[in-house]
N, C-alpha and C. Protein backbone atom coordinates (compact mmCIF):
# COMPACT_ATOMS: atom_id res chain seq x y z
N UNK A 1 -4.15 10.39 9.11
CA UNK A 1 -4.05 9.34 7.83
C UNK A 1 -3.67 9.88 6.93
N UNK A 2 -2.54 9.22 6.34
CA UNK A 2 -2.31 9.93 4.70
C UNK A 2 -2.09 8.78 3.92
N UNK A 3 -1.69 8.86 2.47
CA UNK A 3 -1.46 7.82 1.51
C UNK A 3 -0.25 7.56 1.82
N UNK A 4 -0.01 6.05 1.57
CA UNK A 4 0.96 5.34 1.68
C UNK A 4 2.39 5.90 0.76
N UNK A 5 1.87 6.30 -0.58
CA UNK A 5 2.94 6.86 -1.27
C UNK A 5 3.56 8.26 -0.66
N UNK A 6 3.04 8.74 0.43
CA UNK A 6 3.87 10.14 0.97
C UNK A 6 4.72 9.73 1.87
N UNK A 7 5.02 8.20 2.41
CA UNK A 7 5.87 8.02 3.44
C UNK A 7 7.27 8.23 2.79
N UNK A 8 8.44 8.38 3.68
CA UNK A 8 9.94 8.56 3.55
C UNK A 8 10.40 6.99 3.49
N UNK A 9 11.63 6.83 2.91
CA UNK A 9 12.49 5.57 3.10
C UNK A 9 12.76 5.75 4.51
N UNK A 10 12.69 4.30 5.02
CA UNK A 10 12.50 3.99 6.32
C UNK A 10 11.50 4.11 7.29
N UNK A 11 10.60 4.75 7.19
CA UNK A 11 9.44 4.93 7.81
C UNK A 11 8.45 3.89 8.02
N UNK A 12 7.92 3.65 8.97
CA UNK A 12 6.71 2.66 9.37
C UNK A 12 5.52 3.24 9.66
N UNK A 13 4.50 2.21 8.86
CA UNK A 13 2.96 2.98 9.21
C UNK A 13 2.21 1.29 9.15
N UNK A 14 1.11 1.59 9.57
CA UNK A 14 -0.12 0.44 9.86
C UNK A 14 -0.91 1.15 8.75
N UNK A 15 -1.54 0.21 7.62
CA UNK A 15 -2.45 -0.04 6.92
C UNK A 15 -3.80 0.56 7.49
N UNK A 16 -4.32 1.37 7.32
CA UNK A 16 -5.91 1.83 7.77
C UNK A 16 -7.06 1.40 6.77
N UNK A 17 -7.08 1.55 5.38
CA UNK A 17 -7.66 1.49 4.38
C UNK A 17 -7.27 1.34 3.19
N UNK A 18 -7.70 0.14 2.55
CA UNK A 18 -7.37 0.06 1.02
C UNK A 18 -8.55 0.49 0.26
N UNK A 19 -8.64 1.63 -0.44
CA UNK A 19 -9.60 2.37 -0.90
C UNK A 19 -10.09 1.52 -2.08
N UNK A 20 -11.38 1.08 -2.01
CA UNK A 20 -11.89 0.16 -3.24
C UNK A 20 -12.39 1.00 -4.23
N UNK A 21 -12.26 0.23 -5.67
CA UNK A 21 -12.59 0.79 -6.54
C UNK A 21 -13.97 0.30 -7.04
N UNK A 22 -14.89 0.98 -7.67
CA UNK A 22 -16.33 0.43 -7.68
C UNK A 22 -16.28 -0.92 -8.57
N UNK A 23 -16.71 -2.18 -7.97
CA UNK A 23 -17.12 -3.04 -8.42
C UNK A 23 -15.96 -4.16 -8.21
N UNK A 24 -14.96 -3.58 -7.49
CA UNK A 24 -13.68 -4.38 -6.82
C UNK A 24 -14.43 -5.64 -6.20
N UNK A 25 -13.67 -6.80 -6.50
CA UNK A 25 -13.84 -8.00 -5.49
C UNK A 25 -15.37 -8.37 -5.29
N UNK A 26 -16.42 -8.06 -6.17
CA UNK A 26 -17.76 -8.00 -6.00
C UNK A 26 -18.32 -8.75 -7.29
N UNK A 27 -17.51 -9.66 -7.87
CA UNK A 27 -17.82 -10.66 -9.22
C UNK A 27 -17.73 -9.62 -10.57
N UNK A 28 -17.19 -8.25 -10.56
CA UNK A 28 -17.22 -7.41 -11.52
C UNK A 28 -15.98 -7.64 -11.91
N UNK A 29 -15.02 -8.57 -11.55
CA UNK A 29 -13.30 -8.34 -12.04
C UNK A 29 -12.78 -7.74 -10.67
N UNK A 30 -11.45 -8.24 -11.00
CA UNK A 30 -10.56 -7.68 -10.14
C UNK A 30 -10.01 -6.41 -10.50
N UNK A 31 -9.81 -5.37 -9.25
CA UNK A 31 -9.25 -4.04 -9.38
C UNK A 31 -8.12 -4.10 -9.00
N UNK A 32 -7.36 -2.79 -8.73
CA UNK A 32 -5.78 -2.72 -8.21
C UNK A 32 -5.95 -3.01 -6.76
N UNK A 33 -7.08 -2.29 -6.23
CA UNK A 33 -7.49 -2.60 -4.65
C UNK A 33 -7.39 -3.88 -4.13
N UNK A 34 -7.97 -4.79 -4.94
CA UNK A 34 -8.01 -6.16 -4.69
C UNK A 34 -6.43 -6.61 -4.80
N UNK A 35 -5.87 -6.45 -5.78
CA UNK A 35 -4.61 -6.86 -5.82
C UNK A 35 -3.63 -6.62 -4.59
N UNK A 36 -3.82 -5.07 -4.14
CA UNK A 36 -3.01 -4.93 -3.19
C UNK A 36 -3.22 -5.54 -1.86
N UNK A 37 -4.39 -5.86 -1.99
CA UNK A 37 -5.02 -6.91 -0.48
C UNK A 37 -4.29 -8.38 -0.98
N UNK A 38 -4.36 -8.96 -1.89
CA UNK A 38 -3.50 -9.95 -2.35
C UNK A 38 -2.29 -9.90 -2.14
N UNK A 39 -1.56 -8.91 -2.31
CA UNK A 39 -0.19 -8.76 -2.03
C UNK A 39 0.00 -8.84 -0.42
N UNK A 40 -0.58 -8.73 0.27
CA UNK A 40 -0.68 -8.49 1.84
C UNK A 40 -0.85 -7.18 2.29
N UNK A 41 -1.24 -6.23 1.34
CA UNK A 41 -1.57 -5.11 2.28
C UNK A 41 -2.92 -4.90 2.21
N UNK A 42 -3.28 -5.12 3.74
CA UNK A 42 -4.54 -4.95 4.13
C UNK A 42 -4.47 -4.50 5.49
N UNK A 43 -5.89 -3.96 5.86
CA UNK A 43 -5.76 -3.24 6.87
C UNK A 43 -5.41 -4.06 8.23
N UNK A 44 -4.51 -3.07 9.22
CA UNK A 44 -3.90 -3.96 10.39
C UNK A 44 -2.68 -4.31 10.31
N UNK A 45 -1.99 -4.13 8.86
CA UNK A 45 -0.59 -4.67 8.63
C UNK A 45 0.28 -3.73 8.73
N UNK A 46 1.27 -3.55 9.02
CA UNK A 46 2.31 -2.97 9.04
C UNK A 46 3.36 -3.15 8.50
N UNK A 47 3.60 -1.72 7.45
CA UNK A 47 4.65 -1.80 6.53
C UNK A 47 5.57 -0.77 6.66
N UNK A 48 6.61 -0.95 5.98
CA UNK A 48 8.09 -0.23 6.12
C UNK A 48 8.38 0.15 4.55
N UNK A 49 8.60 1.42 4.58
CA UNK A 49 9.01 2.14 3.10
C UNK A 49 10.47 1.76 3.10
N UNK A 50 10.78 1.29 1.78
CA UNK A 50 12.25 0.82 1.71
C UNK A 50 12.51 1.81 0.92
N UNK A 51 12.28 1.94 -0.01
CA UNK A 51 12.79 3.00 -1.27
C UNK A 51 11.45 3.97 -1.82
N UNK A 52 11.39 5.42 -1.67
CA UNK A 52 10.46 6.24 -2.31
C UNK A 52 10.98 7.01 -2.93
N UNK A 53 12.34 6.89 -3.58
CA UNK A 53 12.94 7.78 -4.35
C UNK A 53 12.79 7.80 -5.95
N UNK A 54 12.71 9.11 -6.62
CA UNK A 54 12.47 9.00 -8.02
C UNK A 54 11.10 8.87 -8.43
N UNK A 55 10.67 8.53 -9.60
CA UNK A 55 9.28 8.47 -9.85
C UNK A 55 8.86 7.01 -10.71
N UNK A 56 9.47 5.98 -10.25
CA UNK A 56 9.50 4.91 -10.39
C UNK A 56 8.36 4.19 -9.33
N UNK A 57 8.34 2.83 -9.28
CA UNK A 57 7.70 2.31 -8.34
C UNK A 57 8.11 2.14 -6.79
N UNK A 58 7.43 1.86 -5.77
CA UNK A 58 7.57 2.05 -4.08
C UNK A 58 8.23 0.61 -4.01
N UNK A 59 9.23 0.66 -3.11
CA UNK A 59 9.72 -0.55 -2.51
C UNK A 59 9.20 -0.77 -0.89
N UNK A 60 8.51 -1.69 -0.91
CA UNK A 60 7.93 -1.86 0.79
C UNK A 60 8.53 -3.10 1.30
N UNK A 61 8.31 -3.32 2.60
CA UNK A 61 8.43 -4.47 3.12
C UNK A 61 7.21 -4.90 3.92
N UNK A 62 6.42 -5.86 3.74
CA UNK A 62 5.77 -6.46 4.31
C UNK A 62 5.71 -7.56 4.85
N UNK A 63 5.33 -7.84 6.22
CA UNK A 63 6.23 -8.93 6.91
C UNK A 63 7.18 -9.38 6.62
N UNK A 64 7.49 -10.38 6.06
CA UNK A 64 9.02 -10.99 5.45
C UNK A 64 9.05 -10.40 4.33
N UNK A 65 8.35 -10.25 3.51
CA UNK A 65 8.34 -9.97 2.17
C UNK A 65 8.52 -8.37 1.55
N UNK A 66 9.29 -8.51 0.53
CA UNK A 66 9.35 -7.04 -0.12
C UNK A 66 8.69 -6.99 -1.59
N UNK A 67 7.85 -5.93 -1.63
CA UNK A 67 7.00 -5.77 -2.89
C UNK A 67 7.25 -4.70 -3.28
N UNK A 68 7.02 -4.44 -4.71
CA UNK A 68 7.20 -3.13 -5.14
C UNK A 68 5.52 -2.88 -5.64
N UNK A 69 5.17 -1.58 -5.83
CA UNK A 69 3.72 -1.18 -6.18
C UNK A 69 3.84 0.18 -7.26
N UNK A 70 2.87 0.32 -7.59
CA UNK A 70 3.00 1.65 -8.37
C UNK A 70 2.52 3.15 -7.67
N UNK A 71 3.22 4.11 -7.75
CA UNK A 71 2.65 5.29 -7.00
C UNK A 71 1.42 5.35 -7.21
N UNK A 72 0.38 5.06 -8.13
CA UNK A 72 -1.14 5.18 -8.42
C UNK A 72 -1.51 4.56 -7.28
N UNK A 73 -1.27 3.08 -7.14
CA UNK A 73 -1.66 2.15 -6.05
C UNK A 73 -1.40 2.64 -4.65
N UNK A 74 -0.12 3.19 -4.43
CA UNK A 74 0.29 3.85 -3.09
C UNK A 74 -0.65 4.81 -2.62
N UNK A 75 -1.32 5.44 -3.81
CA UNK A 75 -1.83 6.87 -3.13
C UNK A 75 -3.15 6.31 -3.03
N UNK A 76 -3.70 5.12 -3.29
CA UNK A 76 -4.94 4.73 -2.41
C UNK A 76 -4.95 3.57 -1.43
N UNK A 77 -3.96 3.81 -0.70
CA UNK A 77 -3.64 2.71 0.38
C UNK A 77 -3.28 3.99 1.42
N UNK A 78 -4.33 3.94 2.59
CA UNK A 78 -4.27 5.25 3.56
C UNK A 78 -3.49 4.48 4.94
N UNK A 79 -2.53 4.95 5.45
CA UNK A 79 -2.01 4.44 6.45
C UNK A 79 -1.69 5.45 7.70
N UNK A 80 -1.56 4.89 8.46
CA UNK A 80 -1.12 5.86 10.15
C UNK A 80 0.39 5.58 10.39
N UNK A 81 1.21 6.58 10.47
CA UNK A 81 2.61 6.77 10.68
C UNK A 81 2.94 6.02 11.96
N UNK A 82 3.42 5.36 12.36
CA UNK A 82 4.00 4.72 13.68
C UNK A 82 4.63 5.54 14.44
N UNK A 83 4.70 5.51 15.63
CA UNK A 83 5.56 6.35 16.26
C UNK A 83 7.38 5.90 16.95
């Protein structure tokens, strides 16, 4: 397992875990982890890294959608690379 933020462009991986922040989704307000799940980044989903260059946000393909997420959020999402 490795963080989503370490994938290179063109690599595919399955989401294994979205690291929860303290109090996330438990009545204490929404955190980044819950926001990631709202965008479709939840355990079992296969994602493809479209762009991971430079210092800005990452561009991912999830199902038929393209989403941009921050590097900080990407480092909290653990994935298993597809063969």
